[in-house]
Amino acid sequence: MSIVISTVVKADAAIATGAETLGVVHVPTIANPFPGAPDFTVFGLAFDAWWKKLFAAVWALGLIVAAFYLVVGVLAMAKADGNNPRAHQEGKEKATGAGIGFIALAGLGVIIGAILTLAG
């Protein structure tokens, strides 16, 4: 096991050294979750970075709110006792709606990517 790890470490160091001598810098990136999104670099790189950060912040806030409502719905289901089946039903409806919203927000990259691909 240690032979494999030491080989990987040596290979990584060799790649990094070779890349530095060529002037190549490796920057970790993630794949664009929205393929086909418009290129806003015509308004400047600062605007392009700004709208991406704003969109990511709103998206994250939406996920947090949806997760909160999902927890509230599940707690309403758990709080209902056997004497009040309607309270359990209302909690189930809240949890189902919040769960669907959370799943839609989590899959927003795929959904918007598909729409942009079909549109264009």
Protein backbone atom coordinates (compact mmCIF):
# COMPACT_ATOMS: atom_id res chain seq x y z
CA MET A 1 0.00 0.00 0.00
CA SER A 2 2.78 2.42 0.89
CA ILE A 3 4.48 1.68 -2.45
CA VAL A 4 1.36 2.83 -4.27
CA ILE A 5 1.09 6.00 -2.19
CA SER A 6 4.77 6.86 -2.60
CA THR A 7 4.53 6.28 -6.36
CA VAL A 8 1.51 8.58 -6.60
CA VAL A 9 3.27 11.26 -4.56
CA LYS A 10 6.38 11.03 -6.74
CA ALA A 11 4.32 11.15 -9.93
CA ASP A 12 2.40 14.17 -8.67
CA ALA A 13 5.64 15.96 -7.77
CA ALA A 14 7.11 15.15 -11.19
CA ILE A 15 4.03 16.44 -12.98
CA ALA A 16 4.03 19.62 -10.90
CA THR A 17 7.73 20.19 -11.53
CA GLY A 18 7.37 19.57 -15.26
CA ALA A 19 4.37 21.86 -15.47
CA GLU A 20 6.18 24.65 -13.63
CA THR A 21 9.13 24.49 -15.99
CA LEU A 22 6.76 24.88 -18.93
CA GLY A 23 4.97 27.80 -17.27
CA VAL A 24 1.72 25.89 -16.87
CA VAL A 25 -0.28 26.51 -13.73
CA HIS A 26 -2.88 23.93 -12.70
CA VAL A 27 -5.96 25.60 -11.26
CA PRO A 28 -8.58 23.30 -9.77
CA THR A 29 -11.92 23.89 -11.45
CA ILE A 30 -15.33 22.32 -11.54
CA ALA A 31 -17.36 21.63 -14.63
CA ASN A 32 -19.86 24.29 -15.64
CA PRO A 33 -23.25 23.13 -14.32
CA PHE A 34 -24.98 25.19 -17.00
CA PRO A 35 -23.67 24.20 -20.42
CA GLY A 36 -24.81 26.61 -23.07
CA ALA A 37 -25.13 29.56 -20.67
CA PRO A 38 -24.59 32.91 -22.36
CA ASP A 39 -21.12 34.46 -22.23
CA PHE A 40 -21.30 37.74 -20.33
CA THR A 41 -17.62 38.59 -20.71
CA VAL A 42 -18.63 41.30 -23.20
CA PHE A 43 -19.63 43.39 -20.15
CA GLY A 44 -16.22 42.80 -18.57
CA LEU A 45 -14.68 40.10 -16.45
CA ALA A 46 -15.72 41.80 -13.22
CA PHE A 47 -19.41 41.69 -14.22
CA ASP A 48 -19.06 38.09 -15.36
CA ALA A 49 -17.62 37.07 -11.98
CA TRP A 50 -20.18 39.20 -10.11
CA TRP A 51 -23.30 37.67 -11.67
CA LYS A 52 -21.97 34.14 -11.16
CA LYS A 53 -21.33 34.82 -7.48
CA LEU A 54 -24.75 36.43 -7.08
CA PHE A 55 -26.48 33.50 -8.79
CA ALA A 56 -24.59 30.97 -6.66
CA ALA A 57 -25.51 32.86 -3.47
CA VAL A 58 -29.21 33.00 -4.38
CA TRP A 59 -29.14 29.32 -5.34
CA ALA A 60 -27.50 28.37 -2.03
CA LEU A 61 -30.01 30.50 -0.11
CA GLY A 62 -32.86 28.74 -1.92
CA LEU A 63 -31.44 25.34 -0.97
CA ILE A 64 -31.16 26.41 2.68
CA VAL A 65 -34.76 27.68 2.75
CA ALA A 66 -36.08 24.53 1.05
CA ALA A 67 -34.16 22.33 3.51
CA PHE A 68 -35.63 24.33 6.41
CA TYR A 69 -39.18 23.81 5.14
CA LEU A 70 -38.46 20.12 4.60
CA VAL A 71 -37.38 19.79 8.24
CA VAL A 72 -40.49 21.71 9.36
CA GLY A 73 -42.71 19.34 7.37
CA VAL A 74 -41.04 16.23 8.74
CA LEU A 75 -41.32 17.60 12.29
CA ALA A 76 -45.02 18.31 11.75
CA MET A 77 -45.47 14.69 10.68
CA ALA A 78 -43.57 13.44 13.72
CA LYS A 79 -45.45 15.73 16.09
CA ALA A 80 -48.85 14.43 15.00
CA ASP A 81 -50.26 11.76 17.27
CA GLY A 82 -52.69 8.94 16.58
CA ASN A 83 -55.67 11.04 17.68
CA ASN A 84 -55.26 13.57 14.88
CA PRO A 85 -54.58 11.97 11.50
CA ARG A 86 -55.28 15.28 9.73
CA ALA A 87 -52.20 16.85 11.37
CA HIS A 88 -50.09 14.01 10.02
CA GLN A 89 -51.57 14.51 6.56
CA GLU A 90 -50.83 18.25 6.66
CA GLY A 91 -47.24 17.56 7.74
CA LYS A 92 -46.89 15.03 4.94
CA GLU A 93 -48.14 17.56 2.40
CA LYS A 94 -45.67 20.17 3.69
CA ALA A 95 -42.79 17.70 3.60
CA THR A 96 -43.70 16.47 0.11
CA GLY A 97 -43.88 19.99 -1.32
CA ALA A 98 -40.63 21.01 0.34
CA GLY A 99 -38.94 17.80 -0.80
CA ILE A 100 -39.97 18.38 -4.41
CA GLY A 101 -38.74 21.97 -4.19
CA PHE A 102 -35.43 20.90 -2.68
CA ILE A 103 -34.89 18.23 -5.35
CA ALA A 104 -35.72 20.74 -8.09
CA LEU A 105 -33.27 23.27 -6.64
CA ALA A 106 -30.57 20.62 -6.21
CA GLY A 107 -31.02 19.53 -9.83
CA LEU A 108 -31.23 23.08 -11.17
CA GLY A 109 -27.94 22.74 -13.03
CA VAL A 110 -29.21 19.76 -14.98
CA ILE A 111 -32.65 21.30 -15.57
CA ILE A 112 -31.34 24.66 -16.83
CA GLY A 113 -28.59 22.93 -18.82
CA ALA A 114 -31.17 20.78 -20.58
CA ILE A 115 -33.38 23.79 -21.36
CA LEU A 116 -30.44 25.78 -22.74
CA THR A 117 -29.29 22.81 -24.79
CA LEU A 118 -32.76 22.35 -26.31
CA ALA A 119 -33.18 26.06 -26.93
CA GLY A 120 -30.01 26.54 -28.53
